[in-house]
């Protein structure tokens, strides 16, 4: 009895598949290898379907491209990492004395004659590089002058941006497999004239670099 029932179901399935397949026609399929130029009769009237085989002169009848795409779904757990470097831990500016001086034993100091002094270089750069997968803002702040108040001034600003002390660095992640570190520079400038002589490099100011989360303007 079971064998008969299974056979009957198989026959019904085969019959239904045959009926379903008979419903689909060539013109109902969306994608055709060939252009449709031959007139054929259909239930809805004459239509073009297929090409005349006599017009095919090569062994290849036709070809079409099938685009294969990639898409991802779901979600990953991402651990963002901050990693930022800076190029210098100290900067030394040298003032080249000019004119002449004579030791005055009465005053216990030098008498200066003439001037002509100048800085060997009045601007030095500090480069900051962002290796993080998040953008950051870096701010440069000049601290209090400790030995030459009113005589020598130090300023720091983003290169090419007068008066701007905050550097915005984009993420090193560019959306691809390998990112690109993003760099920027501060120009540290010195001006004025020292009031005394420093035989060894002496601390003038502290320049503090502070990294913060990037804030959109």
N, C-alpha and C. Protein backbone atom coordinates (compact mmCIF):
# COMPACT_ATOMS: atom_id res chain seq x y z
N UNK A 1 0.83 -1.20 0.00
CA UNK A 1 0.00 0.00 0.00
C UNK A 1 0.88 1.26 0.00
N UNK A 2 1.94 1.25 0.87
CA UNK A 2 2.84 2.40 0.95
C UNK A 2 3.56 2.61 -0.36
N UNK A 3 3.98 1.48 -1.00
CA UNK A 3 4.69 1.60 -2.27
C UNK A 3 3.78 2.20 -3.33
N UNK A 4 2.54 1.84 -3.33
CA UNK A 4 1.58 2.36 -4.31
C UNK A 4 1.35 3.85 -4.09
N UNK A 5 1.26 4.23 -2.80
CA UNK A 5 1.04 5.64 -2.49
C UNK A 5 2.24 6.48 -2.90
N UNK A 6 3.45 5.98 -2.65
CA UNK A 6 4.66 6.69 -3.04
C UNK A 6 4.75 6.84 -4.54
N UNK A 7 4.40 5.78 -5.26
CA UNK A 7 4.44 5.83 -6.73
C UNK A 7 3.45 6.84 -7.25
N UNK A 8 2.26 6.87 -6.64
CA UNK A 8 1.22 7.81 -7.07
C UNK A 8 1.67 9.24 -6.85
N UNK A 9 2.32 9.50 -5.69
CA UNK A 9 2.80 10.86 -5.40
C UNK A 9 3.90 11.27 -6.39
N UNK A 10 4.78 10.32 -6.72
CA UNK A 10 5.85 10.60 -7.68
C UNK A 10 5.27 10.97 -9.03
N UNK A 11 4.27 10.23 -9.45
CA UNK A 11 3.64 10.49 -10.75
C UNK A 11 2.95 11.86 -10.76
N UNK A 12 2.29 12.18 -9.64
CA UNK A 12 1.63 13.48 -9.54
C UNK A 12 2.63 14.62 -9.60
N UNK A 13 3.80 14.44 -8.89
CA UNK A 13 4.83 15.46 -8.89
C UNK A 13 5.42 15.65 -10.28
N UNK A 14 5.67 14.53 -10.95
CA UNK A 14 6.23 14.62 -12.30
C UNK A 14 5.26 15.31 -13.24
N UNK A 15 3.98 15.01 -13.06
CA UNK A 15 2.97 15.62 -13.92
C UNK A 15 2.88 17.11 -13.67
N UNK A 16 2.94 17.50 -12.36
CA UNK A 16 2.84 18.93 -12.04
C UNK A 16 4.06 19.69 -12.55
N UNK A 17 5.26 19.07 -12.47
CA UNK A 17 6.47 19.71 -12.99
C UNK A 17 6.38 19.89 -14.49
N UNK A 18 5.79 18.91 -15.15
CA UNK A 18 5.63 18.99 -16.60
C UNK A 18 4.70 20.13 -16.97
N UNK A 19 3.62 20.26 -16.15
CA UNK A 19 2.66 21.32 -16.42
C UNK A 19 3.29 22.68 -16.20
N UNK A 20 4.05 22.81 -15.08
CA UNK A 20 4.70 24.07 -14.77
C UNK A 20 5.70 24.47 -15.84
N UNK A 21 6.47 23.47 -16.32
CA UNK A 21 7.48 23.78 -17.32
C UNK A 21 6.83 24.18 -18.63
N UNK A 22 5.65 23.68 -18.86
CA UNK A 22 4.98 24.02 -20.12
C UNK A 22 4.45 25.45 -20.09
N UNK A 23 4.32 26.02 -18.88
CA UNK A 23 3.83 27.39 -18.80
C UNK A 23 4.89 28.40 -19.22
N UNK A 24 6.18 28.08 -18.99
CA UNK A 24 7.25 29.01 -19.33
C UNK A 24 7.56 28.94 -20.81
N UNK A 25 7.67 30.09 -21.45
CA UNK A 25 8.04 30.14 -22.86
C UNK A 25 9.31 30.96 -23.02
N UNK A 26 9.91 30.86 -24.17
CA UNK A 26 11.15 31.57 -24.45
C UNK A 26 10.98 33.08 -24.26
N UNK A 27 9.89 33.62 -24.78
CA UNK A 27 9.68 35.06 -24.69
C UNK A 27 9.40 35.52 -23.27
N UNK A 28 8.97 34.59 -22.41
CA UNK A 28 8.72 34.96 -21.02
C UNK A 28 10.00 35.00 -20.20
N UNK A 29 11.07 34.38 -20.68
CA UNK A 29 12.37 34.49 -20.00
C UNK A 29 12.94 35.89 -20.23
N UNK A 30 13.54 36.45 -19.19
CA UNK A 30 13.98 37.85 -19.28
C UNK A 30 15.24 38.05 -20.12
N UNK A 31 16.16 37.13 -20.03
CA UNK A 31 17.48 37.35 -20.63
C UNK A 31 17.71 36.39 -21.79
N UNK A 32 17.98 36.96 -22.96
CA UNK A 32 18.21 36.16 -24.17
C UNK A 32 19.64 36.35 -24.65
N UNK A 33 20.26 35.24 -25.04
CA UNK A 33 21.61 35.33 -25.59
C UNK A 33 21.62 36.11 -26.89
N UNK A 34 20.59 35.93 -27.69
CA UNK A 34 20.57 36.50 -29.03
C UNK A 34 19.53 37.59 -29.14
N UNK A 35 19.68 38.43 -30.12
CA UNK A 35 18.62 39.37 -30.43
C UNK A 35 17.43 38.61 -31.01
N UNK A 36 16.24 39.14 -30.88
CA UNK A 36 15.04 38.46 -31.38
C UNK A 36 14.59 39.10 -32.68
N UNK A 37 14.76 38.37 -33.76
CA UNK A 37 14.47 38.92 -35.10
C UNK A 37 13.52 38.06 -35.93
N UNK A 38 13.37 36.80 -35.54
CA UNK A 38 12.53 35.91 -36.34
C UNK A 38 11.08 36.01 -35.85
N UNK A 39 10.16 36.23 -36.78
CA UNK A 39 8.75 36.35 -36.42
C UNK A 39 8.16 34.97 -36.15
N UNK A 40 7.48 34.85 -34.99
CA UNK A 40 6.82 33.60 -34.64
C UNK A 40 5.40 33.91 -34.16
N UNK A 41 4.54 32.89 -34.22
CA UNK A 41 3.16 33.06 -33.77
C UNK A 41 3.06 32.73 -32.29
N UNK A 42 2.38 33.58 -31.55
CA UNK A 42 2.13 33.32 -30.13
C UNK A 42 0.64 33.51 -29.87
N UNK A 43 0.23 33.15 -28.65
CA UNK A 43 -1.18 33.32 -28.30
C UNK A 43 -1.62 34.77 -28.38
N UNK A 44 -0.69 35.69 -28.18
CA UNK A 44 -1.02 37.11 -28.24
C UNK A 44 -0.72 37.73 -29.59
N UNK A 45 -0.41 36.89 -30.57
CA UNK A 45 -0.12 37.40 -31.90
C UNK A 45 1.33 37.20 -32.29
N UNK A 46 1.71 37.62 -33.47
CA UNK A 46 3.09 37.43 -33.94
C UNK A 46 4.07 38.28 -33.13
N UNK A 47 5.19 37.66 -32.77
CA UNK A 47 6.26 38.37 -32.08
C UNK A 47 7.59 37.87 -32.61
N UNK A 48 8.64 38.60 -32.31
CA UNK A 48 9.98 38.19 -32.72
C UNK A 48 10.62 37.36 -31.63
N UNK A 49 11.23 36.25 -32.01
CA UNK A 49 11.87 35.35 -31.05
C UNK A 49 13.05 34.66 -31.71
N UNK A 50 14.26 34.85 -31.14
CA UNK A 50 15.44 34.18 -31.67
C UNK A 50 15.95 34.82 -32.95
N UNK A 51 17.05 34.26 -33.46
CA UNK A 51 17.62 34.75 -34.72
C UNK A 51 17.68 33.60 -35.72
N UNK A 52 17.70 33.96 -36.96
CA UNK A 52 17.79 32.97 -38.03
C UNK A 52 19.16 32.30 -37.99
N UNK A 53 19.18 30.99 -37.87
CA UNK A 53 20.45 30.26 -37.76
C UNK A 53 21.32 30.44 -38.98
N UNK A 54 20.72 30.73 -40.12
CA UNK A 54 21.51 30.89 -41.34
C UNK A 54 22.36 32.15 -41.32
N UNK A 55 22.05 33.05 -40.38
CA UNK A 55 22.84 34.29 -40.30
C UNK A 55 24.08 34.11 -39.42
N UNK A 56 24.19 32.98 -38.74
CA UNK A 56 25.34 32.71 -37.87
C UNK A 56 26.43 32.06 -38.72
N UNK A 57 27.50 32.78 -38.94
CA UNK A 57 28.57 32.28 -39.82
C UNK A 57 29.72 31.67 -39.06
N UNK A 58 29.86 31.94 -37.77
CA UNK A 58 30.94 31.38 -36.96
C UNK A 58 30.40 30.26 -36.09
N UNK A 59 31.35 29.56 -35.42
CA UNK A 59 30.92 28.49 -34.53
C UNK A 59 30.23 29.04 -33.28
N UNK A 60 30.65 30.24 -32.88
CA UNK A 60 30.01 30.86 -31.72
C UNK A 60 28.72 31.54 -32.13
N UNK A 61 27.67 31.24 -31.41
CA UNK A 61 26.37 31.83 -31.74
C UNK A 61 26.23 33.22 -31.11
N UNK A 62 26.52 33.32 -29.81
CA UNK A 62 26.39 34.60 -29.11
C UNK A 62 27.06 34.48 -27.75
N UNK A 63 27.30 35.61 -27.12
CA UNK A 63 27.84 35.62 -25.76
C UNK A 63 27.28 36.81 -25.00
N UNK A 64 27.16 36.66 -23.70
CA UNK A 64 26.69 37.74 -22.83
C UNK A 64 27.46 37.69 -21.52
N UNK A 65 27.63 38.83 -20.89
CA UNK A 65 28.32 38.91 -19.61
C UNK A 65 27.32 38.79 -18.46
N UNK A 66 27.71 38.05 -17.44
CA UNK A 66 26.95 37.97 -16.21
C UNK A 66 27.79 38.64 -15.12
N UNK A 67 27.28 39.71 -14.53
CA UNK A 67 28.01 40.45 -13.51
C UNK A 67 27.92 39.73 -12.17
N UNK A 68 29.09 39.44 -11.59
CA UNK A 68 29.15 38.80 -10.28
C UNK A 68 29.52 39.87 -9.25
N UNK A 69 28.66 40.11 -8.28
CA UNK A 69 28.87 41.16 -7.29
C UNK A 69 29.14 40.57 -5.90
N UNK A 70 29.69 41.41 -5.05
CA UNK A 70 29.94 41.03 -3.67
C UNK A 70 29.25 42.01 -2.74
N UNK A 71 28.56 41.49 -1.75
CA UNK A 71 27.94 42.31 -0.72
C UNK A 71 28.10 41.60 0.61
N UNK A 72 28.33 42.37 1.64
CA UNK A 72 28.46 41.78 2.98
C UNK A 72 27.25 42.16 3.82
N UNK A 73 26.96 41.33 4.78
CA UNK A 73 25.85 41.61 5.68
C UNK A 73 26.26 41.23 7.10
N UNK A 74 25.40 41.50 8.02
CA UNK A 74 25.73 41.23 9.40
C UNK A 74 26.57 42.34 9.97
N UNK A 75 27.16 42.15 11.11
CA UNK A 75 27.96 43.18 11.77
C UNK A 75 29.17 42.55 12.44
N UNK A 76 30.24 43.37 12.52
CA UNK A 76 31.45 42.95 13.20
C UNK A 76 31.64 43.81 14.45
N UNK A 77 32.32 43.27 15.41
CA UNK A 77 32.70 44.05 16.58
C UNK A 77 34.01 44.77 16.27
N UNK A 78 33.98 46.10 16.30
CA UNK A 78 35.16 46.89 15.94
C UNK A 78 35.78 47.50 17.19
N UNK A 79 37.09 47.32 17.34
CA UNK A 79 37.84 47.97 18.40
C UNK A 79 38.63 49.11 17.79
N UNK A 80 38.21 50.34 18.04
CA UNK A 80 38.93 51.50 17.52
C UNK A 80 40.19 51.74 18.34
N UNK A 81 41.24 52.22 17.68
CA UNK A 81 42.53 52.41 18.34
C UNK A 81 43.06 53.81 18.04
N UNK A 82 43.47 54.53 19.09
CA UNK A 82 44.15 55.81 18.91
C UNK A 82 45.65 55.58 18.92
N UNK A 83 46.33 56.10 17.91
CA UNK A 83 47.79 55.98 17.82
C UNK A 83 48.32 57.21 17.07
N UNK A 84 48.97 58.11 17.79
CA UNK A 84 49.42 59.38 17.22
C UNK A 84 50.88 59.61 17.63
N UNK A 85 51.69 60.08 16.69
CA UNK A 85 53.09 60.35 17.00
C UNK A 85 53.41 61.83 16.76
N UNK A 86 54.52 62.30 17.37
CA UNK A 86 54.99 63.66 17.11
C UNK A 86 56.50 63.61 16.92
N UNK A 87 57.02 64.58 16.18
CA UNK A 87 58.38 64.44 15.65
C UNK A 87 59.50 64.93 16.56
N UNK A 88 59.21 65.73 17.59
CA UNK A 88 60.30 66.28 18.41
C UNK A 88 59.88 66.41 19.86
N UNK A 89 60.80 66.12 20.75
CA UNK A 89 60.54 66.29 22.19
C UNK A 89 61.09 67.61 22.71
N UNK A 90 61.94 68.25 21.92
CA UNK A 90 62.42 69.58 22.29
C UNK A 90 62.90 70.32 21.04
N UNK A 91 62.82 71.64 21.10
CA UNK A 91 63.30 72.50 20.02
C UNK A 91 64.27 73.52 20.62
N UNK A 92 65.41 73.71 20.00
CA UNK A 92 66.40 74.68 20.48
C UNK A 92 66.58 75.77 19.43
N UNK A 93 66.31 77.00 19.82
CA UNK A 93 66.54 78.16 18.95
C UNK A 93 67.84 78.84 19.40
N UNK A 94 68.63 79.23 18.41
CA UNK A 94 69.93 79.85 18.72
C UNK A 94 69.94 81.30 18.25
N UNK A 95 70.28 82.19 19.18
CA UNK A 95 70.41 83.61 18.85
C UNK A 95 71.89 83.94 18.72
N UNK A 96 72.26 84.40 17.53
CA UNK A 96 73.66 84.74 17.25
C UNK A 96 73.92 86.18 17.69
N UNK A 97 74.73 86.33 18.76
CA UNK A 97 75.00 87.66 19.28
C UNK A 97 75.78 88.49 18.26
N UNK A 98 75.55 89.81 18.26
CA UNK A 98 76.28 90.72 17.37
C UNK A 98 76.88 91.87 18.17
N UNK A 99 77.53 92.79 17.49
CA UNK A 99 78.15 93.93 18.16
C UNK A 99 79.35 93.52 18.99
N UNK A 100 79.61 94.24 20.04
CA UNK A 100 80.75 93.94 20.92
C UNK A 100 80.34 94.17 22.36
N UNK A 101 81.10 93.60 23.28
CA UNK A 101 80.80 93.78 24.69
C UNK A 101 82.11 93.87 25.49
N UNK A 102 82.04 94.61 26.58
CA UNK A 102 83.20 94.79 27.44
C UNK A 102 82.77 94.53 28.87
N UNK A 103 83.55 93.71 29.57
CA UNK A 103 83.20 93.39 30.96
C UNK A 103 83.40 94.61 31.84
N UNK A 104 82.37 94.91 32.61
CA UNK A 104 82.41 96.04 33.52
C UNK A 104 82.52 95.50 34.95
N UNK A 105 83.70 95.58 35.55
CA UNK A 105 83.89 95.02 36.89
C UNK A 105 83.14 95.79 37.96
N UNK A 106 82.79 97.01 37.65
CA UNK A 106 82.04 97.79 38.62
C UNK A 106 80.59 97.31 38.71
N UNK A 107 80.01 97.03 37.54
CA UNK A 107 78.62 96.57 37.48
C UNK A 107 78.53 95.03 37.52
N UNK A 108 79.68 94.38 37.32
CA UNK A 108 79.72 92.92 37.23
C UNK A 108 78.80 92.40 36.10
N UNK A 109 78.87 93.10 34.99
CA UNK A 109 78.14 92.67 33.79
C UNK A 109 78.82 93.28 32.58
N UNK A 110 78.38 92.83 31.39
CA UNK A 110 78.98 93.35 30.17
C UNK A 110 78.29 94.64 29.74
N UNK A 111 79.10 95.57 29.25
CA UNK A 111 78.58 96.73 28.54
C UNK A 111 78.51 96.36 27.06
N UNK A 112 77.30 96.44 26.49
CA UNK A 112 77.09 96.03 25.11
C UNK A 112 77.18 97.25 24.21
N UNK A 113 77.95 97.14 23.15
CA UNK A 113 78.05 98.19 22.15
C UNK A 113 77.59 97.63 20.81
N UNK A 114 76.67 98.34 20.17
CA UNK A 114 76.17 97.85 18.88
C UNK A 114 75.17 96.72 19.08
N UNK A 115 74.63 96.25 17.98
CA UNK A 115 73.62 95.17 18.05
C UNK A 115 73.97 94.13 17.00
N UNK A 116 73.21 94.07 15.96
CA UNK A 116 73.53 93.15 14.86
C UNK A 116 73.24 91.70 15.13
N UNK A 117 72.61 91.38 16.29
CA UNK A 117 72.31 89.99 16.58
C UNK A 117 71.14 89.48 15.74
N UNK A 118 71.06 88.16 15.57
CA UNK A 118 69.95 87.58 14.80
C UNK A 118 69.78 86.10 15.17
N UNK A 119 68.57 85.60 14.90
CA UNK A 119 68.28 84.18 15.12
C UNK A 119 68.80 83.36 13.95
N UNK A 120 69.41 82.23 14.26
CA UNK A 120 69.85 81.33 13.18
C UNK A 120 68.65 80.84 12.37
N UNK A 121 67.54 80.57 13.04
CA UNK A 121 66.27 80.20 12.39
C UNK A 121 65.16 80.56 13.35
N UNK A 122 64.16 81.28 12.85
CA UNK A 122 63.09 81.73 13.73
C UNK A 122 61.87 80.82 13.70
N UNK A 123 61.86 79.83 12.80
CA UNK A 123 60.72 78.91 12.71
C UNK A 123 61.22 77.47 12.65
N UNK A 124 60.62 76.63 13.47
CA UNK A 124 60.87 75.19 13.40
C UNK A 124 59.53 74.47 13.38
N UNK A 125 59.49 73.31 12.76
CA UNK A 125 58.22 72.59 12.58
C UNK A 125 58.18 71.34 13.46
N UNK A 126 56.98 71.06 13.96
CA UNK A 126 56.71 69.79 14.64
C UNK A 126 55.65 69.06 13.82
N UNK A 127 55.96 67.85 13.41
CA UNK A 127 55.02 67.05 12.62
C UNK A 127 54.27 66.09 13.53
N UNK A 128 52.95 66.05 13.37
CA UNK A 128 52.10 65.12 14.11
C UNK A 128 51.45 64.18 13.10
N UNK A 129 51.49 62.87 13.39
CA UNK A 129 50.97 61.87 12.46
C UNK A 129 49.92 61.01 13.14
N UNK A 130 48.78 60.85 12.47
CA UNK A 130 47.68 60.06 13.02
C UNK A 130 47.66 58.67 12.37
N UNK A 131 47.90 57.63 13.16
CA UNK A 131 47.83 56.25 12.71
C UNK A 131 46.53 55.59 13.18
N UNK A 132 45.63 56.37 13.78
CA UNK A 132 44.40 55.83 14.35
C UNK A 132 43.37 55.55 13.25
N UNK A 133 42.37 54.74 13.60
CA UNK A 133 41.26 54.54 12.66
C UNK A 133 40.12 55.51 12.97
N UNK A 134 40.41 56.55 13.73
CA UNK A 134 39.47 57.62 14.03
C UNK A 134 40.18 58.96 13.81
N UNK A 135 39.44 60.00 13.43
CA UNK A 135 40.07 61.32 13.30
C UNK A 135 40.36 61.91 14.66
N UNK A 136 41.33 62.81 14.73
CA UNK A 136 41.68 63.47 15.99
C UNK A 136 41.96 64.95 15.74
N UNK A 137 41.85 65.73 16.81
CA UNK A 137 42.27 67.13 16.80
C UNK A 137 43.47 67.28 17.73
N UNK A 138 44.50 67.97 17.26
CA UNK A 138 45.70 68.19 18.07
C UNK A 138 45.87 69.70 18.26
N UNK A 139 46.01 70.11 19.50
CA UNK A 139 46.15 71.53 19.82
C UNK A 139 47.53 71.80 20.42
N UNK A 140 48.16 72.89 19.96
CA UNK A 140 49.45 73.32 20.49
C UNK A 140 49.24 74.56 21.35
N UNK A 141 49.70 74.50 22.60
CA UNK A 141 49.55 75.63 23.52
C UNK A 141 50.92 76.00 24.10
N UNK A 142 51.26 77.28 24.03
CA UNK A 142 52.53 77.77 24.56
C UNK A 142 52.34 78.19 26.01
N UNK A 143 53.18 77.66 26.89
CA UNK A 143 53.09 77.97 28.31
C UNK A 143 53.76 79.28 28.66
N UNK A 144 53.92 79.50 29.96
CA UNK A 144 54.48 80.75 30.46
C UNK A 144 55.97 80.84 30.15
N UNK A 145 56.41 82.06 29.81
CA UNK A 145 57.82 82.34 29.59
C UNK A 145 58.52 82.39 30.96
N UNK A 146 59.58 81.61 31.11
CA UNK A 146 60.20 81.48 32.43
C UNK A 146 61.46 82.31 32.61
N UNK A 147 62.14 82.68 31.51
CA UNK A 147 63.43 83.37 31.70
C UNK A 147 63.57 84.65 30.88
N UNK A 148 62.71 84.89 29.91
CA UNK A 148 62.85 86.08 29.06
C UNK A 148 61.50 86.78 28.87
N UNK A 149 60.78 86.96 29.96
CA UNK A 149 59.47 87.61 29.90
C UNK A 149 59.59 89.02 29.33
N UNK A 150 58.81 89.29 28.30
CA UNK A 150 58.82 90.61 27.68
C UNK A 150 59.91 90.82 26.67
N UNK A 151 60.87 89.91 26.58
CA UNK A 151 61.98 90.06 25.64
C UNK A 151 61.87 89.11 24.45
N UNK A 152 61.55 87.86 24.75
CA UNK A 152 61.47 86.84 23.71
C UNK A 152 60.08 86.20 23.76
N UNK A 153 59.44 86.07 22.61
CA UNK A 153 58.11 85.46 22.53
C UNK A 153 58.15 84.21 21.67
N UNK A 154 57.31 83.24 22.03
CA UNK A 154 57.19 81.99 21.28
C UNK A 154 55.72 81.79 20.93
N UNK A 155 55.44 81.45 19.69
CA UNK A 155 54.07 81.16 19.24
C UNK A 155 54.07 79.83 18.47
N UNK A 156 52.90 79.22 18.41
CA UNK A 156 52.75 77.97 17.66
C UNK A 156 51.42 78.02 16.92
N UNK A 157 51.44 77.69 15.63
CA UNK A 157 50.23 77.69 14.83
C UNK A 157 50.33 76.64 13.74
N UNK A 158 49.18 76.20 13.25
CA UNK A 158 49.15 75.21 12.17
C UNK A 158 49.82 75.82 10.95
N UNK A 159 50.68 75.06 10.31
CA UNK A 159 51.42 75.55 9.14
C UNK A 159 50.47 76.11 8.08
N UNK A 160 50.72 77.35 7.69
CA UNK A 160 49.91 77.98 6.66
C UNK A 160 48.59 78.54 7.14
N UNK A 161 48.31 78.47 8.45
CA UNK A 161 47.04 78.99 8.99
C UNK A 161 47.35 79.94 10.15
N UNK A 162 47.45 81.20 9.83
CA UNK A 162 47.81 82.20 10.83
C UNK A 162 46.81 82.24 11.98
N UNK A 163 47.31 82.13 13.19
CA UNK A 163 46.47 82.23 14.37
C UNK A 163 45.70 80.98 14.73
N UNK A 164 45.84 79.91 13.95
CA UNK A 164 45.11 78.65 14.21
C UNK A 164 46.03 77.70 14.96
N UNK A 165 45.60 77.24 16.11
CA UNK A 165 46.46 76.39 16.93
C UNK A 165 45.96 74.95 17.04
N UNK A 166 44.87 74.62 16.35
CA UNK A 166 44.34 73.25 16.38
C UNK A 166 44.43 72.61 15.01
N UNK A 167 45.07 71.45 14.99
CA UNK A 167 45.29 70.70 13.75
C UNK A 167 44.33 69.53 13.69
N UNK A 168 43.53 69.45 12.63
CA UNK A 168 42.58 68.34 12.44
C UNK A 168 43.22 67.28 11.55
N UNK A 169 43.32 66.06 12.06
CA UNK A 169 43.92 64.97 11.30
C UNK A 169 42.87 63.90 11.03
N UNK A 170 42.69 63.54 9.78
CA UNK A 170 41.69 62.54 9.41
C UNK A 170 42.13 61.15 9.84
N UNK A 171 41.19 60.22 9.81
CA UNK A 171 41.47 58.83 10.15
C UNK A 171 42.44 58.21 9.15
N UNK A 172 43.27 57.30 9.63
CA UNK A 172 44.17 56.56 8.73
C UNK A 172 43.41 55.49 7.95
N UNK A 173 42.19 55.19 8.38
CA UNK A 173 41.37 54.20 7.67
C UNK A 173 40.68 54.88 6.50
N UNK A 174 40.94 54.37 5.29
CA UNK A 174 40.38 54.95 4.08
C UNK A 174 39.23 54.14 3.50
N UNK A 175 38.85 53.06 4.18
CA UNK A 175 37.78 52.23 3.67
C UNK A 175 38.26 51.00 2.91
N UNK A 176 39.55 50.94 2.62
CA UNK A 176 40.10 49.80 1.89
C UNK A 176 40.79 48.82 2.82
N UNK A 177 41.62 47.96 2.24
CA UNK A 177 42.34 46.97 3.04
C UNK A 177 43.43 47.62 3.87
N UNK A 178 44.20 48.53 3.25
CA UNK A 178 45.30 49.20 3.94
C UNK A 178 45.06 50.70 3.93
N UNK A 179 45.21 51.33 5.09
CA UNK A 179 44.96 52.76 5.21
C UNK A 179 46.21 53.58 4.93
N UNK A 180 46.10 54.88 5.21
CA UNK A 180 47.20 55.81 5.01
C UNK A 180 47.31 56.73 6.22
N UNK A 181 48.46 56.78 6.83
CA UNK A 181 48.66 57.68 7.97
C UNK A 181 48.50 59.12 7.51
N UNK A 182 47.88 59.95 8.35
CA UNK A 182 47.63 61.35 8.01
C UNK A 182 48.49 62.26 8.88
N UNK A 183 49.21 63.19 8.26
CA UNK A 183 50.15 64.05 8.98
C UNK A 183 49.83 65.52 8.78
N UNK A 184 50.27 66.32 9.75
CA UNK A 184 50.18 67.77 9.66
C UNK A 184 51.29 68.37 10.49
N UNK A 185 51.52 69.68 10.36
CA UNK A 185 52.63 70.31 11.07
C UNK A 185 52.20 71.59 11.78
N UNK A 186 52.91 71.86 12.87
CA UNK A 186 52.82 73.14 13.56
C UNK A 186 54.11 73.91 13.28
N UNK A 187 53.98 75.21 13.05
CA UNK A 187 55.15 76.09 12.97
C UNK A 187 55.35 76.74 14.33
N UNK A 188 56.49 76.49 14.94
CA UNK A 188 56.84 77.12 16.21
C UNK A 188 57.79 78.26 15.90
N UNK A 189 57.39 79.48 16.27
CA UNK A 189 58.15 80.68 15.91
C UNK A 189 58.65 81.41 17.15
N UNK A 190 59.84 81.99 17.01
CA UNK A 190 60.44 82.76 18.11
C UNK A 190 60.77 84.15 17.61
N UNK A 191 60.64 85.13 18.50
CA UNK A 191 60.92 86.52 18.11
C UNK A 191 61.42 87.29 19.32
N UNK A 192 62.09 88.40 19.04
CA UNK A 192 62.63 89.23 20.11
C UNK A 192 64.14 89.08 20.23
N UNK A 193 64.66 89.57 21.34
CA UNK A 193 66.10 89.53 21.58
C UNK A 193 66.36 89.17 23.03
N UNK A 194 67.18 88.13 23.27
CA UNK A 194 67.49 87.75 24.66
C UNK A 194 68.17 88.90 25.39
N UNK A 195 67.85 89.02 26.66
CA UNK A 195 68.44 90.09 27.46
C UNK A 195 69.76 89.67 28.10
N UNK A 196 70.05 88.38 28.03
CA UNK A 196 71.28 87.90 28.64
C UNK A 196 71.84 86.77 27.80
N UNK A 197 72.97 86.27 28.20
CA UNK A 197 73.65 85.21 27.46
C UNK A 197 73.37 83.87 28.13
N UNK A 198 73.11 82.84 27.29
CA UNK A 198 72.86 81.49 27.80
C UNK A 198 73.91 80.56 27.21
N UNK A 199 74.91 80.20 28.04
CA UNK A 199 76.01 79.38 27.53
C UNK A 199 75.55 77.96 27.23
N UNK A 200 74.50 77.51 27.88
CA UNK A 200 73.88 76.21 27.57
C UNK A 200 72.40 76.46 27.28
N UNK A 201 71.82 75.56 26.49
CA UNK A 201 70.41 75.72 26.15
C UNK A 201 69.56 75.66 27.42
N UNK A 202 68.74 76.68 27.61
CA UNK A 202 67.91 76.79 28.82
C UNK A 202 66.44 76.82 28.44
N UNK A 203 65.62 76.22 29.31
CA UNK A 203 64.20 76.15 29.01
C UNK A 203 63.57 77.53 29.02
N UNK A 204 62.89 77.86 27.91
CA UNK A 204 62.23 79.15 27.77
C UNK A 204 60.73 79.02 28.05
N UNK A 205 60.07 78.07 27.39
CA UNK A 205 58.63 77.81 27.59
C UNK A 205 58.38 76.32 27.44
N UNK A 206 57.21 75.88 27.90
CA UNK A 206 56.72 74.55 27.60
C UNK A 206 55.70 74.66 26.48
N UNK A 207 55.85 73.84 25.46
CA UNK A 207 54.86 73.76 24.38
C UNK A 207 54.09 72.46 24.57
N UNK A 208 52.80 72.56 24.88
CA UNK A 208 51.99 71.38 25.18
C UNK A 208 51.15 70.99 23.98
N UNK A 209 51.30 69.76 23.53
CA UNK A 209 50.50 69.21 22.45
C UNK A 209 49.42 68.32 23.06
N UNK A 210 48.18 68.62 22.78
CA UNK A 210 47.06 67.87 23.35
C UNK A 210 46.23 67.24 22.24
N UNK A 211 46.00 65.92 22.36
CA UNK A 211 45.19 65.19 21.37
C UNK A 211 43.79 65.02 21.93
N UNK A 212 42.78 65.30 21.11
CA UNK A 212 41.39 65.17 21.55
C UNK A 212 40.57 64.51 20.44
N UNK A 213 39.39 64.02 20.81
CA UNK A 213 38.47 63.48 19.82
C UNK A 213 38.11 64.59 18.83
N UNK A 214 38.00 64.21 17.56
CA UNK A 214 37.69 65.21 16.53
C UNK A 214 36.26 65.70 16.69
N UNK A 215 36.09 67.01 16.63
CA UNK A 215 34.77 67.63 16.70
C UNK A 215 34.50 68.33 15.38
N UNK A 216 33.39 67.98 14.75
CA UNK A 216 33.02 68.64 13.50
C UNK A 216 32.60 70.08 13.80
N UNK A 217 33.03 71.03 12.97
CA UNK A 217 32.68 72.44 13.21
C UNK A 217 31.18 72.66 13.03
